[in-house]
Amino acid sequence: MRKIRQVLRLHYENQQSRRAIARSLGLSRDAIADYLTRAAAAKLTWPLPPDLDDAALEQRLFPPVVAIAAPRKPEPDWAQIHQELKRKGATLQVLHEEYLAVHPDGMAYSLFCQRHREFAQTLKRYMRQTYVAGERVFVDYAGPTMGIADRQTGEMLVAQIFVAVLGASNYIYAEAHWSQSLPDWIAAHTRMLEHFGAVPAVIVCDNLKAAVTKASRTEPVVNATYQDMADHYGTLILPARSYQPKDKAKAENGVLIVERWILFRLRKRVFTSLGELNTAIRELLTEINARPFQKLPGSRQSAFETLDRPAMLPLSASPYEYAEFRKVRVGLDYCVKVDERPYSVPFRLARREVELRLTAATIEVLHRGQRVASHVRSAGSAPAIDPQHMEAAHRHFGLWEAGGALAWAMQTGPHVHHFLQTLLATMRTREQGYRAHNALKKLANDFTNRRLNAACCRAIEIGAQSLSSVRSILRNSLDQQPTAVDDVQEASFEHPNVRGAEYYH
C-alpha cells in the first residue's frame, strides 16, 4: 500500500504525469492507471484521511467481488451415459444431442464432456478404459490352485483355475481343469464360448506357452493350434505385452474377484472330482454375476445380456475339433511318420518341409498353406499309401497283384493264362511274379497276343516252364509250325525176343 500512497501523492500533489510516476516508482503505466482509476471510483482525495490505514485503503481500492451464482444446468444420469458409451458406435456428441432434446436449456457440449470426465474419475481404475460391447474378452489363470482328493489313493491333485472377463459388461466366467497345457487351454476356450452362446471379436490373453510361441511387443507369434481355433470361430487373438498387466487389467481384476469370492470360500471343502469342483464354482459364479454394481445400474449378468451378448458374433454351428500342428520333412519314400506309422504324400514333395494338422481322427498334410494329402488316423505300423501319391512306375509295382496278372493273361489267351499260372506257382517272391508278368506283356506287344498264346501252347506241349523257352519259340517262329506227331506202332511179326502186348495183361 506504500506505493499506492506514493502514486496518489505524486499525481495529486506534485502533478506528475503517469509516465514520470511509473519511471520513478518502477511500475508500469497500466498499473499507475489502474490505481488512479480505483481511487477515483472509491472517491478518494489527497491528502488521505489520517485514520485511513493500509488495510482500510486496500478494502476501499480492492473490494471483494460478490459472485452471482448462476443457476446450475440440469445434468443427465452420468452412470447411464457411461454405460451407453460402451455400445458400438456411441459418442459423447450424439449423447449430448439426445440430452439437449430432453433439456433444451442444458449445458453446452464442452461442459457436458468435462462433467463426464469428472464422473469417470470417480469410478474404479479398471473402468477408466471404455470397451465396446461384444468386442473383447480377457483370459488368464488364477495364481492359487484348488486341491482334489483322489478317491482311490487319497492323493491330493492340483487343478488350475481358468478365468475370463468380458470388457463391456465385466461378466466373469471361470472353470477348473487339470493343467495349463495346450489341450486344456483350448478346451477351456471352447467351453467358455459355448457358455457365452456367442463369440467376442477379440480374445486378449497372457503370454503363456499354450497361447504364444514367441512373445513380442509388436509381432507376437500365436500358437498354431490356438490360431486355428480362432479361425474356426472367426475371432482374433491379441496377446498382451510382456510384463504389462494393465493390458489385461480386466482379467487381473476378474482373477482377484474369483480368488476372494470363490476360491477363498471353497478353501475348507474337500472335492473328490473335477466335476464336483466346477459345480461349486458355477454356483458362486452365478451369485457374483448377479450382484448389483456399486456405482452403475444393473449387474454383470444384466449388462452381459443387454450389452455384450447382442453385439457378439454368432457361435459356430460345430464345436472346434482339437488339432495339433507339426513341421516335418518328407522322406525319400514320400512318407511322413505319425505315431510310428508312415503316411504318404505326393511324390513331388519328397525331401520338402510340410506341416501336419493332426486331429484324433485325421491327418492333414499342408504345403504352403494348401492341403496336399489327407489320411484317416489309425493305429498300427503298416504304411498308409494313397496310390495317387506314387510315381507311375512305383504305383504300377506297388499295386501289382497276381490276380490282376492272371486276369490279363485270360484276356490275352487261355494258354497264356495256363502258362503264367504255372510260372506263379513256382515263384517264391512277389517281385518274381511281377517280372514274369511284365516279360509276357512285352512279348505280347512285340509279337501280338495271338502268337504269344500259340507260343505258350507250344511250350506247354513240350513241357517248357521258362520265359526263355517262350521267347525262343517266338523268335524262331516255332509257334507258326505244325506240331510233330510221333506214330508209335507195335511190331506185327513174330520173334522170340518180342513179348507182345499180351505179356503185360
Protein backbone atom coordinates (compact mmCIF):
# COMPACT_ATOMS: atom_id res chain seq x y z
CA MET A 1 0.00 0.00 0.00
CA ARG A 2 3.01 2.25 0.40
CA LYS A 3 3.49 2.59 -3.34
CA ILE A 4 -0.19 3.37 -3.85
CA ARG A 5 0.10 6.29 -1.40
CA GLN A 6 3.16 7.49 -3.33
CA VAL A 7 1.26 7.25 -6.62
CA LEU A 8 -1.59 9.34 -5.21
CA ARG A 9 0.81 11.93 -3.75
CA LEU A 10 2.83 12.37 -6.94
CA HIS A 11 -0.34 12.61 -9.04
CA TYR A 12 -2.43 14.94 -6.90
CA GLU A 13 0.19 16.93 -5.04
CA ASN A 14 3.11 17.16 -7.47
CA GLN A 15 1.03 16.97 -10.65
CA GLN A 16 3.38 14.40 -12.21
CA SER A 17 2.46 12.57 -15.39
CA ARG A 18 1.76 8.88 -15.35
CA ARG A 19 4.88 8.18 -17.37
CA ALA A 20 7.07 10.05 -14.84
CA ILE A 21 5.40 8.33 -11.89
CA ALA A 22 5.93 4.91 -13.48
CA ARG A 23 9.60 5.67 -14.16
CA SER A 24 10.13 6.99 -10.63
CA LEU A 25 8.46 4.10 -8.78
CA GLY A 26 9.44 1.28 -11.14
CA LEU A 27 5.84 0.42 -12.03
CA SER A 28 4.11 0.01 -15.34
CA ARG A 29 1.90 2.75 -16.72
CA ASP A 30 -1.03 0.30 -16.77
CA ALA A 31 -0.61 -0.28 -13.02
CA ILE A 32 -0.50 3.52 -12.41
CA ALA A 33 -3.67 3.96 -14.47
CA ASP A 34 -5.40 1.14 -12.57
CA TYR A 35 -4.55 2.65 -9.15
CA LEU A 36 -5.80 6.11 -10.15
CA THR A 37 -8.98 4.68 -11.63
CA ARG A 38 -9.72 2.70 -8.48
CA ALA A 39 -9.03 5.79 -6.31
CA ALA A 40 -11.45 7.87 -8.38
CA ALA A 41 -14.07 5.10 -8.13
CA ALA A 42 -13.61 5.00 -4.35
CA LYS A 43 -13.86 8.89 -4.22
CA LEU A 44 -10.51 9.27 -2.52
CA THR A 45 -8.79 12.72 -2.45
CA TRP A 46 -5.37 13.88 -1.40
CA PRO A 47 -4.35 14.10 1.32
CA LEU A 48 -5.90 10.91 2.55
CA PRO A 49 -7.81 10.91 5.81
CA PRO A 50 -5.43 10.39 8.76
CA ASP A 51 -7.47 7.48 10.15
CA LEU A 52 -7.29 5.55 6.84
CA ASP A 53 -4.71 2.79 7.40
CA ASP A 54 -3.33 0.40 4.78
CA ALA A 55 -5.94 -2.31 5.42
CA ALA A 56 -8.81 0.15 5.06
CA LEU A 57 -7.20 1.62 1.96
CA GLU A 58 -6.90 -1.85 0.36
CA GLN A 59 -10.51 -2.60 1.30
CA ARG A 60 -11.73 0.55 -0.49
CA LEU A 61 -9.50 0.13 -3.55
CA PHE A 62 -9.94 -3.62 -3.93
CA PRO A 63 -13.40 -4.50 -2.62
CA PRO A 64 -14.30 -8.28 -2.68
CA VAL A 65 -16.12 -9.44 -5.77
CA VAL A 66 -19.54 -10.79 -4.98
CA ALA A 67 -20.08 -13.77 -7.25
CA ILE A 68 -23.58 -14.17 -8.51
CA ALA A 69 -24.33 -17.89 -8.53
CA ALA A 70 -25.64 -18.84 -11.90
CA PRO A 71 -28.42 -21.40 -11.94
CA ARG A 72 -26.94 -24.93 -12.39
CA LYS A 73 -27.76 -26.59 -15.64
CA PRO A 74 -29.71 -29.88 -15.44
CA GLU A 75 -27.41 -32.87 -15.56
CA PRO A 76 -28.08 -36.31 -17.07
CA ASP A 77 -27.59 -39.65 -15.35
CA TRP A 78 -23.83 -39.95 -15.78
CA ALA A 79 -23.83 -43.65 -14.92
CA GLN A 80 -26.26 -44.26 -17.76
CA ILE A 81 -24.16 -42.08 -20.10
CA HIS A 82 -21.07 -44.11 -19.16
CA GLN A 83 -22.86 -47.37 -19.95
CA GLU A 84 -24.19 -46.07 -23.25
CA LEU A 85 -20.64 -45.18 -24.35
CA LYS A 86 -19.81 -48.90 -24.31
CA ARG A 87 -22.21 -49.57 -27.15
CA LYS A 88 -20.73 -49.86 -30.60
CA GLY A 89 -20.81 -46.51 -32.43
CA ALA A 90 -21.66 -44.45 -29.34
CA THR A 91 -20.07 -40.98 -29.00
CA LEU A 92 -20.41 -38.17 -26.46
CA GLN A 93 -21.59 -35.82 -29.21
CA VAL A 94 -24.61 -37.99 -30.04
CA LEU A 95 -25.41 -38.48 -26.36
CA HIS A 96 -25.17 -34.69 -25.85
CA GLU A 97 -27.66 -34.14 -28.66
CA GLU A 98 -30.05 -36.61 -27.02
CA TYR A 99 -29.55 -34.77 -23.71
CA LEU A 100 -30.41 -31.41 -25.35
CA ALA A 101 -33.54 -32.94 -26.84
CA VAL A 102 -34.79 -33.53 -23.28
CA HIS A 103 -33.24 -30.37 -21.76
CA PRO A 104 -33.10 -27.63 -24.43
CA ASP A 105 -31.56 -25.16 -21.94
CA GLY A 106 -28.98 -27.70 -20.80
CA MET A 107 -25.21 -27.44 -20.66
CA ALA A 108 -23.03 -26.91 -23.69
CA TYR A 109 -21.05 -29.73 -25.28
CA SER A 110 -17.71 -28.70 -23.72
CA LEU A 111 -19.21 -28.62 -20.21
CA PHE A 112 -21.00 -31.89 -20.93
CA CYS A 113 -17.66 -33.58 -21.76
CA GLN A 114 -15.96 -32.01 -18.73
CA ARG A 115 -18.65 -33.26 -16.34
CA HIS A 116 -18.43 -36.77 -17.84
CA ARG A 117 -14.65 -36.79 -17.32
CA GLU A 118 -15.18 -35.74 -13.71
CA PHE A 119 -17.65 -38.59 -13.24
CA ALA A 120 -15.31 -41.12 -14.86
CA GLN A 121 -12.57 -40.14 -12.42
CA THR A 122 -14.78 -41.17 -9.51
CA LEU A 123 -15.04 -44.73 -10.83
CA LYS A 124 -12.64 -47.53 -10.11
CA ARG A 125 -9.40 -47.58 -12.02
CA TYR A 126 -10.21 -50.68 -14.07
CA MET A 127 -13.28 -48.94 -15.52
CA ARG A 128 -11.40 -45.94 -16.88
CA GLN A 129 -10.93 -47.64 -20.23
CA THR A 130 -14.02 -47.84 -22.38
CA TYR A 131 -14.55 -51.17 -24.14
CA VAL A 132 -17.01 -51.56 -26.98
CA ALA A 133 -19.77 -54.05 -26.29
CA GLY A 134 -19.04 -57.53 -27.60
CA GLU A 135 -15.52 -56.62 -28.65
CA ARG A 136 -13.13 -58.18 -26.10
CA VAL A 137 -12.79 -60.96 -23.60
CA PHE A 138 -9.74 -61.13 -21.32
CA VAL A 139 -8.48 -64.58 -20.29
CA ASP A 140 -5.91 -65.67 -17.71
CA TYR A 141 -5.19 -68.21 -14.98
CA ALA A 142 -5.63 -67.55 -11.28
CA GLY A 143 -2.48 -67.84 -9.21
CA PRO A 144 -3.92 -70.07 -6.46
CA THR A 145 -4.93 -73.62 -7.33
CA MET A 146 -7.52 -75.99 -5.86
CA GLY A 147 -6.85 -79.43 -4.41
CA ILE A 148 -8.85 -82.50 -5.44
CA ALA A 149 -8.54 -85.71 -3.42
CA ASP A 150 -8.17 -88.94 -5.36
CA ARG A 151 -10.82 -91.37 -4.14
CA GLN A 152 -8.66 -94.45 -4.61
CA THR A 153 -5.23 -93.31 -3.40
CA GLY A 154 -6.14 -90.30 -1.28
CA GLU A 155 -3.52 -88.25 -3.11
CA MET A 156 -4.20 -84.52 -3.45
CA LEU A 157 -4.24 -83.49 -7.10
CA VAL A 158 -3.95 -79.87 -8.23
CA ALA A 159 -6.47 -78.15 -10.51
CA GLN A 160 -5.81 -74.88 -12.38
CA ILE A 161 -8.45 -72.11 -12.41
CA PHE A 162 -9.20 -70.51 -15.80
CA VAL A 163 -10.79 -67.03 -15.66
CA ALA A 164 -12.36 -64.92 -18.43
CA VAL A 165 -13.87 -61.42 -18.20
CA LEU A 166 -15.85 -59.59 -20.90
CA GLY A 167 -14.76 -56.00 -21.47
CA ALA A 168 -18.02 -54.04 -21.56
CA SER A 169 -20.17 -55.90 -19.02
CA ASN A 170 -17.42 -57.27 -16.71
CA TYR A 171 -19.21 -60.63 -16.90
CA ILE A 172 -16.98 -63.35 -15.40
CA TYR A 173 -16.52 -66.98 -16.46
CA ALA A 174 -14.37 -69.44 -14.53
CA GLU A 175 -13.69 -73.17 -14.57
CA ALA A 176 -11.19 -75.70 -13.21
CA HIS A 177 -9.11 -78.11 -15.26
CA TRP A 178 -6.00 -80.17 -14.67
CA SER A 179 -3.18 -78.20 -16.30
CA GLN A 180 -2.20 -75.17 -18.34
CA SER A 181 -1.21 -77.35 -21.28
CA LEU A 182 -2.43 -76.69 -24.80
CA PRO A 183 -5.31 -79.26 -24.85
CA ASP A 184 -6.78 -77.91 -21.59
CA TRP A 185 -6.27 -74.31 -22.72
CA ILE A 186 -8.16 -74.89 -25.98
CA ALA A 187 -10.90 -76.92 -24.28
CA ALA A 188 -11.44 -74.12 -21.75
CA HIS A 189 -11.91 -71.58 -24.56
CA THR A 190 -14.38 -73.87 -26.32
CA ARG A 191 -16.47 -74.28 -23.16
CA MET A 192 -16.24 -70.53 -22.45
CA LEU A 193 -17.66 -69.62 -25.86
CA GLU A 194 -20.40 -72.23 -25.51
CA HIS A 195 -21.28 -70.69 -22.13
CA PHE A 196 -21.48 -67.21 -23.68
CA GLY A 197 -23.51 -68.55 -26.60
CA ALA A 198 -21.61 -66.12 -28.83
CA VAL A 199 -18.07 -65.12 -29.81
CA PRO A 200 -16.28 -61.83 -28.99
CA ALA A 201 -14.33 -60.11 -31.74
CA VAL A 202 -11.02 -60.21 -29.82
CA ILE A 203 -9.52 -62.55 -27.22
CA VAL A 204 -6.82 -60.87 -25.10
CA CYS A 205 -4.52 -63.44 -23.48
CA ASP A 206 -1.31 -63.62 -21.49
CA ASN A 207 2.00 -64.88 -22.94
CA LEU A 208 1.88 -68.45 -21.64
CA LYS A 209 3.35 -71.15 -23.89
CA ALA A 210 -0.04 -72.65 -24.74
CA ALA A 211 -1.06 -69.31 -26.30
CA VAL A 212 2.08 -67.60 -27.61
CA THR A 213 5.03 -69.36 -29.22
CA LYS A 214 7.17 -66.21 -29.33
CA ALA A 215 6.39 -63.16 -27.21
CA SER A 216 6.91 -59.75 -28.79
CA ARG A 217 5.61 -56.25 -28.22
CA THR A 218 4.97 -55.70 -31.91
CA GLU A 219 4.74 -59.11 -33.65
CA PRO A 220 3.94 -61.94 -31.24
CA VAL A 221 3.71 -65.44 -32.72
CA VAL A 222 0.48 -67.15 -31.69
CA ASN A 223 0.46 -70.93 -31.18
CA ALA A 224 -0.75 -72.62 -34.38
CA THR A 225 -3.47 -74.62 -32.61
CA TYR A 226 -4.71 -71.52 -30.78
CA GLN A 227 -4.81 -69.60 -34.06
CA ASP A 228 -6.63 -72.48 -35.75
CA MET A 229 -9.28 -72.35 -33.02
CA ALA A 230 -9.62 -68.57 -33.51
CA ASP A 231 -10.05 -69.05 -37.27
CA HIS A 232 -12.74 -71.65 -36.65
CA TYR A 233 -14.79 -69.24 -34.53
CA GLY A 234 -13.93 -66.13 -36.57
CA THR A 235 -12.24 -64.22 -33.73
CA LEU A 236 -8.83 -62.57 -33.25
CA ILE A 237 -6.08 -63.44 -30.76
CA LEU A 238 -4.39 -60.36 -29.26
CA PRO A 239 -1.62 -61.24 -26.77
CA ALA A 240 -0.89 -58.67 -24.08
CA ARG A 241 2.57 -57.15 -23.90
CA SER A 242 5.01 -58.93 -21.63
CA TYR A 243 5.17 -57.54 -18.09
CA GLN A 244 2.30 -55.16 -18.82
CA PRO A 245 -0.64 -56.33 -16.67
CA LYS A 246 -2.55 -53.14 -17.49
CA ASP A 247 -3.08 -54.56 -21.00
CA LYS A 248 -5.38 -57.14 -19.42
CA ALA A 249 -6.49 -55.28 -16.31
CA LYS A 250 -9.97 -56.75 -16.64
CA ALA A 251 -8.57 -60.26 -16.35
CA GLU A 252 -6.39 -59.28 -13.39
CA ASN A 253 -9.40 -57.84 -11.57
CA GLY A 254 -11.53 -60.85 -12.51
CA VAL A 255 -8.87 -63.18 -11.13
CA LEU A 256 -8.86 -61.16 -7.90
CA ILE A 257 -12.65 -61.47 -7.60
CA VAL A 258 -12.51 -65.23 -8.23
CA GLU A 259 -9.76 -65.67 -5.66
CA ARG A 260 -11.63 -63.67 -2.98
CA TRP A 261 -15.24 -64.66 -3.59
CA ILE A 262 -14.90 -68.21 -4.89
CA LEU A 263 -11.61 -69.91 -4.05
CA PHE A 264 -11.40 -68.48 -0.53
CA ARG A 265 -14.95 -69.52 0.22
CA LEU A 266 -14.26 -73.05 -1.04
CA ARG A 267 -10.96 -73.47 0.78
CA LYS A 268 -12.39 -75.70 3.55
CA ARG A 269 -14.38 -78.01 1.28
CA VAL A 270 -12.94 -81.32 0.13
CA PHE A 271 -13.57 -82.17 -3.52
CA THR A 272 -13.11 -85.64 -4.98
CA SER A 273 -13.61 -84.88 -8.68
CA LEU A 274 -13.15 -82.09 -11.18
CA GLY A 275 -16.86 -82.05 -11.96
CA GLU A 276 -17.74 -81.54 -8.30
CA LEU A 277 -15.37 -78.57 -8.08
CA ASN A 278 -16.73 -76.98 -11.25
CA THR A 279 -20.29 -77.33 -9.98
CA ALA A 280 -19.36 -75.39 -6.83
CA ILE A 281 -17.56 -72.74 -8.90
CA ARG A 282 -20.58 -72.26 -11.18
CA GLU A 283 -22.91 -71.75 -8.20
CA LEU A 284 -20.75 -69.00 -6.69
CA LEU A 285 -20.09 -67.50 -10.14
CA THR A 286 -23.83 -67.09 -10.71
CA GLU A 287 -24.05 -65.22 -7.43
CA ILE A 288 -21.16 -62.90 -8.34
CA ASN A 289 -22.54 -62.05 -11.79
CA ALA A 290 -25.97 -61.31 -10.31
CA ARG A 291 -24.58 -58.96 -7.62
CA PRO A 292 -25.55 -55.28 -8.33
CA PHE A 293 -22.86 -52.78 -9.28
CA GLN A 294 -21.95 -50.21 -6.60
CA LYS A 295 -21.90 -47.11 -8.80
CA LEU A 296 -23.59 -48.27 -12.00
CA PRO A 297 -27.09 -49.56 -12.61
CA GLY A 298 -27.68 -53.29 -13.02
CA SER A 299 -25.29 -56.21 -12.58
CA ARG A 300 -22.73 -58.15 -14.59
CA GLN A 301 -25.45 -60.55 -15.70
CA SER A 302 -27.84 -57.84 -16.87
CA ALA A 303 -25.04 -55.89 -18.56
CA PHE A 304 -23.94 -59.06 -20.35
CA GLU A 305 -27.44 -59.72 -21.66
CA THR A 306 -28.04 -56.14 -22.78
CA LEU A 307 -24.56 -55.04 -23.90
CA ASP A 308 -22.16 -57.84 -24.76
CA ARG A 309 -24.26 -60.75 -25.99
CA PRO A 310 -26.30 -58.81 -28.61
CA ALA A 311 -23.09 -57.31 -30.05
CA MET A 312 -21.03 -60.52 -30.16
CA LEU A 313 -20.51 -62.73 -33.20
CA PRO A 314 -22.72 -65.82 -33.65
CA LEU A 315 -21.34 -69.09 -32.33
CA SER A 316 -20.16 -71.66 -34.88
CA ALA A 317 -22.60 -74.49 -35.53
CA SER A 318 -19.98 -77.15 -34.75
CA PRO A 319 -17.53 -77.01 -31.84
CA TYR A 320 -13.83 -76.75 -32.55
CA GLU A 321 -12.04 -80.07 -33.01
CA TYR A 322 -8.70 -80.01 -31.27
CA ALA A 323 -5.80 -80.16 -33.72
CA GLU A 324 -2.03 -80.09 -33.30
CA PHE A 325 0.42 -78.76 -35.88
CA ARG A 326 3.88 -80.14 -36.58
CA LYS A 327 6.56 -79.28 -39.12
CA VAL A 328 8.29 -82.34 -40.61
CA ARG A 329 10.41 -83.19 -43.63
CA VAL A 330 9.13 -85.75 -46.14
CA GLY A 331 11.36 -88.80 -46.63
CA LEU A 332 12.69 -90.18 -49.88
CA ASP A 333 9.85 -92.70 -49.77
CA TYR A 334 7.49 -89.64 -49.87
CA CYS A 335 6.05 -90.58 -46.47
CA VAL A 336 5.79 -88.86 -43.10
CA LYS A 337 5.61 -90.71 -39.80
CA VAL A 338 2.93 -90.16 -37.18
CA ASP A 339 2.86 -92.47 -34.17
CA GLU A 340 5.47 -94.65 -35.93
CA ARG A 341 3.16 -95.24 -38.90
CA PRO A 342 4.13 -93.90 -42.37
CA TYR A 343 1.54 -91.85 -44.29
CA SER A 344 2.10 -90.95 -47.94
CA VAL A 345 2.22 -87.50 -49.54
CA PRO A 346 2.55 -86.63 -53.25
CA PHE A 347 5.93 -87.89 -54.52
CA ARG A 348 6.95 -84.45 -55.79
CA LEU A 349 7.23 -83.29 -52.14
CA ALA A 350 9.99 -85.76 -51.26
CA ARG A 351 12.60 -84.05 -49.04
CA ARG A 352 10.38 -80.96 -48.74
CA GLU A 353 9.23 -79.47 -45.44
CA VAL A 354 5.49 -79.77 -44.82
CA GLU A 355 3.13 -79.02 -41.94
CA LEU A 356 0.90 -81.66 -40.37
CA ARG A 357 -2.51 -80.91 -38.89
CA LEU A 358 -3.32 -83.76 -36.53
CA THR A 359 -6.72 -84.45 -35.01
CA ALA A 360 -7.97 -87.51 -33.21
CA ALA A 361 -9.41 -88.91 -36.45
CA THR A 362 -7.50 -87.38 -39.37
CA ILE A 363 -4.03 -86.42 -40.58
CA GLU A 364 -3.81 -83.49 -42.99
CA VAL A 365 -0.62 -82.55 -44.82
CA LEU A 366 -0.24 -78.85 -45.66
CA HIS A 367 2.32 -77.34 -48.02
CA ARG A 368 2.49 -73.55 -48.35
CA GLY A 369 -0.92 -73.27 -46.75
CA GLN A 370 -2.57 -75.74 -49.16
CA ARG A 371 -3.77 -79.20 -48.18
CA VAL A 372 -1.98 -81.76 -50.34
CA ALA A 373 -2.90 -85.00 -48.57
CA SER A 374 -5.35 -86.36 -46.03
CA HIS A 375 -5.46 -89.71 -44.24
CA VAL A 376 -7.59 -91.40 -41.64
CA ARG A 377 -5.55 -91.64 -38.45
CA SER A 378 -5.32 -95.22 -37.21
CA ALA A 379 -3.15 -97.42 -35.06
CA GLY A 380 -0.57 -99.90 -36.32
CA SER A 381 2.71 -99.73 -38.18
CA ALA A 382 1.68 -100.71 -41.74
CA PRO A 383 2.23 -97.85 -44.23
CA ALA A 384 -0.89 -95.94 -45.31
CA ILE A 385 -0.22 -95.32 -49.00
CA ASP A 386 -2.53 -93.46 -51.36
CA PRO A 387 -1.86 -94.75 -54.92
CA GLN A 388 -2.40 -91.26 -56.30
CA HIS A 389 0.65 -90.07 -54.36
CA MET A 390 3.01 -92.55 -56.07
CA GLU A 391 5.04 -92.13 -59.24
CA ALA A 392 3.66 -94.01 -62.26
CA ALA A 393 6.36 -96.70 -62.14
CA HIS A 394 6.14 -97.05 -58.38
CA ARG A 395 2.37 -97.19 -58.50
CA HIS A 396 2.48 -99.96 -61.13
CA PHE A 397 4.76 -102.09 -58.98
CA GLY A 398 3.15 -101.21 -55.70
CA LEU A 399 -0.35 -102.11 -56.84
CA TRP A 400 0.63 -105.27 -58.74
CA GLU A 401 -1.26 -108.41 -57.73
CA ALA A 402 -1.20 -111.96 -59.05
CA GLY A 403 -4.96 -111.91 -59.55
CA GLY A 404 -4.76 -108.91 -61.83
CA ALA A 405 -1.93 -110.53 -63.82
CA LEU A 406 -3.95 -113.72 -64.33
CA ALA A 407 -6.97 -111.67 -65.42
CA TRP A 408 -4.82 -110.02 -68.09
CA ALA A 409 -3.47 -113.42 -69.17
CA MET A 410 -7.02 -114.79 -69.60
CA GLN A 411 -7.90 -111.86 -71.85
CA THR A 412 -4.75 -112.50 -73.89
CA GLY A 413 -5.35 -116.20 -74.33
CA PRO A 414 -6.17 -119.37 -72.38
CA HIS A 415 -2.71 -120.86 -72.98
CA VAL A 416 -1.07 -117.66 -71.74
CA HIS A 417 -3.23 -117.89 -68.61
CA HIS A 418 -2.26 -121.53 -68.07
CA PHE A 419 1.45 -120.84 -68.64
CA LEU A 420 1.50 -117.78 -66.30
CA GLN A 421 -0.42 -119.67 -63.65
CA THR A 422 2.20 -122.42 -63.76
CA LEU A 423 5.01 -119.87 -63.51
CA LEU A 424 3.46 -118.06 -60.50
CA ALA A 425 3.02 -121.36 -58.66
CA THR A 426 6.78 -121.95 -58.80
CA MET A 427 7.86 -118.46 -57.73
CA ARG A 428 8.63 -117.57 -54.14
CA THR A 429 8.56 -113.77 -54.16
CA ARG A 430 6.21 -111.10 -55.40
CA GLU A 431 8.98 -109.43 -57.42
CA GLN A 432 9.50 -112.62 -59.49
CA GLY A 433 5.83 -112.76 -60.41
CA TYR A 434 5.86 -109.04 -61.28
CA ARG A 435 8.84 -109.53 -63.60
CA ALA A 436 7.31 -112.61 -65.28
CA HIS A 437 4.07 -110.76 -65.90
CA ASN A 438 5.89 -107.76 -67.42
CA ALA A 439 8.01 -110.08 -69.60
CA LEU A 440 4.89 -111.73 -71.04
CA LYS A 441 3.30 -108.33 -71.66
CA LYS A 442 6.39 -107.22 -73.55
CA LEU A 443 6.28 -110.36 -75.69
CA ALA A 444 2.61 -109.70 -76.41
CA ASN A 445 3.48 -106.17 -77.56
CA ASP A 446 6.35 -107.42 -79.72
CA PHE A 447 4.67 -110.48 -81.28
CA THR A 448 0.89 -109.93 -80.82
CA ASN A 449 -1.44 -111.68 -78.41
CA ARG A 450 -2.27 -114.49 -80.91
CA ARG A 451 1.34 -115.58 -81.38
CA LEU A 452 2.03 -115.36 -77.63
CA ASN A 453 -0.93 -117.62 -76.96
CA ALA A 454 0.32 -120.11 -79.59
CA ALA A 455 3.86 -119.99 -78.19
CA CYS A 456 2.60 -120.69 -74.67
CA CYS A 457 0.61 -123.63 -76.08
CA ARG A 458 3.77 -124.98 -77.75
CA ALA A 459 5.75 -124.53 -74.50
CA ILE A 460 3.10 -126.40 -72.51
CA GLU A 461 3.15 -129.27 -75.02
CA ILE A 462 6.89 -129.72 -74.78
CA GLY A 463 6.91 -129.26 -71.02
CA ALA A 464 8.86 -125.95 -71.04
CA GLN A 465 8.39 -123.79 -67.90
CA SER A 466 10.62 -120.82 -68.53
CA LEU A 467 10.18 -117.47 -70.22
CA SER A 468 13.29 -118.04 -72.27
CA SER A 469 11.61 -121.05 -73.92
CA VAL A 470 8.58 -118.97 -74.92
CA ARG A 471 10.86 -116.20 -76.16
CA SER A 472 12.88 -118.71 -78.22
CA ILE A 473 9.72 -120.23 -79.75
CA LEU A 474 8.56 -116.77 -80.84
CA ARG A 475 11.92 -115.67 -82.22
CA ASN A 476 12.27 -118.89 -84.22
CA SER A 477 8.61 -118.76 -85.33
CA LEU A 478 8.08 -122.28 -83.98
CA ASP A 479 4.61 -121.20 -82.84
CA GLN A 480 3.65 -120.99 -86.56
CA GLN A 481 4.83 -124.51 -87.45
CA PRO A 482 2.68 -127.65 -87.06
CA THR A 483 3.39 -129.88 -84.12
CA ALA A 484 5.27 -133.13 -84.99
CA VAL A 485 3.23 -136.25 -84.05
CA ASP A 486 5.22 -139.41 -83.33
CA ASP A 487 3.27 -142.55 -84.51
CA VAL A 488 4.19 -145.47 -82.32
CA GLN A 489 3.46 -148.84 -83.98
CA GLU A 490 3.79 -152.21 -82.41
CA ALA A 491 5.75 -154.89 -84.28
CA SER A 492 3.49 -157.26 -86.23
CA PHE A 493 5.93 -160.10 -86.79
CA GLU A 494 6.73 -162.98 -84.55
CA HIS A 495 10.08 -163.02 -82.84
CA PRO A 496 11.22 -164.99 -79.84
CA ASN A 497 12.65 -161.83 -78.15
CA VAL A 498 9.47 -159.79 -78.57
CA ARG A 499 6.95 -160.45 -75.84
CA GLY A 500 3.94 -158.67 -77.29
CA ALA A 501 1.11 -156.77 -75.70
CA GLU A 502 -0.49 -159.84 -74.22
CA TYR A 503 2.52 -160.32 -71.97
CA TYR A 504 1.63 -157.23 -69.94
CA HIS A 505 -2.06 -158.01 -69.37
